[in-house]
Amino acid sequence: MTVSKVDHDYNERELKMLEVLLLNLAAHANMLITKGNMMFNPLEKNEDDLFRFQFAWQKSLSEEQYKDFIESVEKKYNTALMMSTIENVRIYFQ
């Protein structure tokens, strides 16, 4: 999963705080949907990336669970970013 914003000017501290927020929101969505453990693997960020992680589960999710997880994460991220007045953000699921 990648969250990016072209030409952002956030410093390291702000990016770390945003990363913690987004990880916590993903963890909350995971517990609501799968009720199981999820691992977070950080990936190398590109210049415009605010957040870039691979999420992994011990057991594969069903297609329905994965769809529900993505919908939940997108809603949570969009709400948090809007409330933080962070605009023009792209969220990618690979």
Protein backbone atom coordinates (compact mmCIF):
# COMPACT_ATOMS: atom_id res chain seq x y z
CA MET A 1 0.00 0.00 0.00
CA THR A 2 1.27 3.44 -0.92
CA VAL A 3 -0.01 6.85 0.12
CA SER A 4 1.58 9.67 -1.83
CA LYS A 5 1.32 13.41 -2.32
CA VAL A 6 3.18 15.13 -5.15
CA ASP A 7 5.67 17.78 -4.00
CA HIS A 8 4.88 17.46 -0.29
CA ASP A 9 7.04 19.46 2.10
CA TYR A 10 6.62 17.41 5.27
CA ASN A 11 9.67 16.94 7.47
CA GLU A 12 10.81 13.59 8.92
CA ARG A 13 8.94 14.11 12.19
CA GLU A 14 5.67 14.92 10.42
CA LEU A 15 6.07 11.92 8.13
CA LYS A 16 6.71 9.64 11.12
CA MET A 17 3.58 10.93 12.89
CA LEU A 18 1.53 10.39 9.74
CA GLU A 19 2.99 6.89 9.36
CA VAL A 20 2.01 5.99 12.94
CA LEU A 21 -1.52 7.32 12.37
CA LEU A 22 -1.96 5.36 9.14
CA LEU A 23 -0.57 2.14 10.64
CA ASN A 24 -2.97 2.43 13.57
CA LEU A 25 -5.92 3.01 11.26
CA ALA A 26 -4.94 -0.03 9.17
CA ALA A 27 -4.59 -2.14 12.32
CA HIS A 28 -8.05 -1.05 13.47
CA ALA A 29 -9.56 -1.89 10.08
CA ASN A 30 -7.83 -5.27 10.16
CA MET A 31 -9.26 -6.16 13.57
CA LEU A 32 -12.77 -5.16 12.48
CA ILE A 33 -12.61 -7.17 9.27
CA THR A 34 -10.36 -10.18 9.87
CA LYS A 35 -10.20 -10.35 13.68
CA GLY A 36 -6.68 -11.74 13.22
CA ASN A 37 -3.08 -10.62 13.22
CA MET A 38 -1.55 -8.58 10.44
CA MET A 39 2.12 -7.75 9.86
CA PHE A 40 3.43 -4.47 8.51
CA ASN A 41 6.54 -4.58 6.32
CA PRO A 42 7.99 -1.16 5.45
CA LEU A 43 8.96 -0.62 1.83
CA GLU A 44 11.40 1.87 0.37
CA LYS A 45 9.66 5.20 -0.21
CA ASN A 46 9.87 7.30 -3.34
CA GLU A 47 10.20 11.08 -3.12
CA ASP A 48 6.44 11.75 -3.14
CA ASP A 49 5.46 8.89 -0.80
CA LEU A 50 4.07 9.69 2.63
CA PHE A 51 3.56 6.04 3.57
CA ARG A 52 4.59 2.77 1.92
CA PHE A 53 4.02 -0.59 3.58
CA GLN A 54 3.21 -4.15 2.64
CA PHE A 55 0.52 -5.74 4.79
CA ALA A 56 0.70 -9.50 5.33
CA TRP A 57 -1.51 -12.06 7.01
CA GLN A 58 -0.62 -15.53 8.25
CA LYS A 59 -3.61 -16.95 6.37
CA SER A 60 -4.77 -15.59 3.04
CA LEU A 61 -7.85 -13.39 3.18
CA SER A 62 -10.93 -14.29 1.21
CA GLU A 63 -11.72 -11.98 -1.69
CA GLU A 64 -14.64 -10.54 0.30
CA GLN A 65 -12.47 -9.89 3.39
CA TYR A 66 -9.79 -8.21 1.27
CA LYS A 67 -12.38 -5.99 -0.44
CA ASP A 68 -13.90 -5.06 2.94
CA PHE A 69 -10.43 -4.34 4.35
CA ILE A 70 -9.54 -2.05 1.45
CA GLU A 71 -12.86 -0.18 1.69
CA SER A 72 -12.44 0.28 5.43
CA VAL A 73 -8.83 1.48 5.15
CA GLU A 74 -9.68 3.91 2.34
CA LYS A 75 -12.55 5.42 4.33
CA LYS A 76 -10.44 5.74 7.47
CA TYR A 77 -7.46 7.23 5.60
CA ASN A 78 -9.58 9.69 3.61
CA THR A 79 -11.34 10.88 6.76
CA ALA A 80 -8.08 11.25 8.72
CA LEU A 81 -6.36 13.08 5.87
CA MET A 82 -9.33 15.39 5.37
CA MET A 83 -9.45 16.19 9.09
CA SER A 84 -5.70 16.88 8.97
CA THR A 85 -6.19 19.19 5.97
CA ILE A 86 -3.86 17.06 3.86
CA GLU A 87 -5.21 17.31 0.32
CA ASN A 88 -4.45 15.80 -3.10
CA VAL A 89 -3.34 12.45 -1.70
CA ARG A 90 -3.35 9.23 -3.71
CA ILE A 91 -3.87 5.85 -2.10
CA TYR A 92 -2.66 2.79 -4.02
CA PHE A 93 -3.20 -0.87 -3.22
CA GLN A 94 -0.85 -3.25 -5.06
